[in-house]
Protein backbone atom coordinates (compact mmCIF):
# COMPACT_ATOMS: atom_id res chain seq x y z
CA MET A 1 13.17 24.50 1.83
CA ALA A 2 11.83 27.70 0.41
CA VAL A 3 8.70 29.44 1.65
CA GLY A 4 5.40 27.74 0.79
CA GLY A 5 6.68 24.18 0.73
CA GLU A 6 8.62 24.62 -2.48
CA PRO A 7 11.95 22.79 -2.63
CA SER A 8 15.22 24.67 -2.58
CA GLN A 9 17.22 24.03 -5.71
CA GLY A 10 20.44 22.03 -5.57
CA ILE A 11 20.40 20.98 -1.92
CA TYR A 12 19.01 17.47 -2.28
CA THR A 13 19.64 14.93 -4.99
CA MET A 14 17.33 11.97 -5.37
CA THR A 15 18.99 9.03 -7.03
CA THR A 16 17.39 6.17 -8.92
CA SER A 17 18.33 4.04 -5.93
CA ASP A 18 16.47 6.42 -3.57
CA ILE A 19 13.30 6.19 -5.65
CA ALA A 20 13.61 2.41 -5.85
CA GLY A 21 14.14 2.20 -2.09
CA LEU A 22 11.10 4.35 -1.33
CA ARG A 23 9.04 2.39 -3.85
CA SER A 24 10.11 -0.85 -2.19
CA PHE A 25 9.16 0.44 1.27
CA LEU A 26 5.98 2.41 0.54
CA GLY A 27 4.76 0.25 -2.34
CA GLY A 28 5.63 -2.92 -0.46
CA TYR A 29 3.89 -2.02 2.77
CA PHE A 30 1.13 0.20 1.38
CA HIS A 31 0.26 -2.16 -1.48
CA GLU A 32 -3.22 -2.27 -3.02
CA ASP A 33 -4.54 -4.55 -0.25
CA TRP A 34 -2.80 -2.89 2.71
CA GLU A 35 -6.14 -2.37 4.47
CA MET A 36 -6.49 -6.14 4.72
CA ASP A 37 -3.27 -6.19 6.78
CA ALA A 38 -3.96 -3.18 9.01
CA SER A 39 -6.87 -1.00 10.07
CA GLU A 40 -4.90 2.25 9.82
CA PRO A 41 -1.69 3.52 8.21
CA ASP A 42 0.24 3.80 11.49
CA GLU A 43 -0.31 0.09 12.04
CA VAL A 44 1.41 -0.62 8.71
CA ILE A 45 4.48 1.26 9.92
CA ALA A 46 4.29 -0.64 13.22
CA GLN A 47 4.24 -3.91 11.28
CA PHE A 48 7.36 -2.83 9.42
CA LEU A 49 9.08 -2.00 12.71
CA ARG A 50 8.03 -5.35 14.20
CA SER A 51 9.83 -7.05 11.31
CA ARG A 52 13.02 -5.88 13.07
CA PRO A 53 14.68 -3.83 10.32
CA SER A 54 18.22 -2.77 11.05
CA ARG A 55 18.84 0.77 12.28
CA ASP A 56 20.77 1.33 9.04
CA GLU A 57 17.70 0.34 7.00
CA ILE A 58 15.46 2.66 9.01
CA ASP A 59 17.97 5.51 8.69
CA ARG A 60 18.22 4.92 4.94
CA ILE A 61 14.43 5.15 4.54
CA ILE A 62 14.33 8.30 6.67
CA ALA A 63 17.06 9.88 4.54
CA GLN A 64 15.28 8.89 1.32
CA ILE A 65 12.04 10.45 2.55
CA GLY A 66 13.95 13.58 3.53
CA ARG A 67 15.50 13.88 0.07
CA TYR A 68 12.11 13.24 -1.56
CA LEU A 69 10.46 15.96 0.51
CA GLY A 70 13.34 18.35 -0.06
CA GLU A 71 13.37 17.94 -3.80
CA LYS A 72 9.68 17.91 -4.70
CA ASN A 73 6.88 20.42 -4.33
CA ASP A 74 3.62 19.52 -2.61
CA ALA A 75 1.68 18.78 -5.81
CA VAL A 76 4.37 16.42 -7.07
CA ILE A 77 4.49 14.64 -3.72
CA GLU A 78 0.69 14.19 -3.73
CA ARG A 79 0.78 12.59 -7.19
CA GLY A 80 4.10 10.86 -6.67
CA LEU A 81 2.99 8.70 -3.75
CA PHE A 82 0.95 6.58 -6.14
CA GLU A 83 2.39 7.36 -9.56
CA GLU A 84 6.07 7.17 -8.65
CA LEU A 85 6.21 5.20 -5.39
CA ASP A 86 3.31 2.73 -5.87
CA CYS A 87 1.83 3.71 -2.50
CA TYR A 88 -1.89 2.93 -2.28
CA TYR A 89 -2.51 4.98 0.85
CA LEU A 90 -4.06 8.38 0.15
CA PRO A 91 -3.30 10.71 3.09
CA THR A 92 -5.79 13.32 1.87
CA ALA A 93 -8.56 10.80 2.62
CA ASP A 94 -7.58 11.31 6.27
CA ASP A 95 -7.32 15.12 5.93
CA MET A 96 -3.52 15.09 5.80
CA SER A 97 -1.24 16.26 3.02
CA ALA A 98 1.18 13.76 1.53
CA ARG A 99 4.08 15.91 2.74
CA ASN A 100 2.80 15.94 6.33
CA TRP A 101 2.07 12.22 6.23
CA LEU A 102 5.60 11.44 5.07
CA LYS A 103 6.93 13.62 7.91
CA HIS A 104 4.70 11.61 10.26
CA VAL A 105 6.16 8.38 8.86
CA VAL A 106 9.64 9.72 9.62
CA ASP A 107 8.55 10.49 13.19
CA LEU A 108 7.21 6.94 13.62
CA LEU A 109 10.39 5.44 12.19
CA ASN A 110 12.54 7.60 14.47
CA LYS A 111 10.58 6.41 17.50
CA GLY A 112 10.79 2.83 16.17
């Protein structure tokens, strides 16, 4: 990653499958009514972990998030959560950048 949160060119390669996987995870768990299922975003991740995903599934999501963060600049990530990944949670509403929130999601998944 270059200085200032800009991606380094050529290190990461997002595939169509990566985008679809992230959309399935983030759009599926942070759907338009996610606040009816949980009072806060961390609880949504906890619900996912309680569904007993395999370690391979968790590792795949972590890797997809890593590639997404590595390939996109901060502005694209902010817009992409909703526009590209169908995620209805807006981290900036909680004074957190989308990049930092996705890093937080990775931390939660790693602790899983």
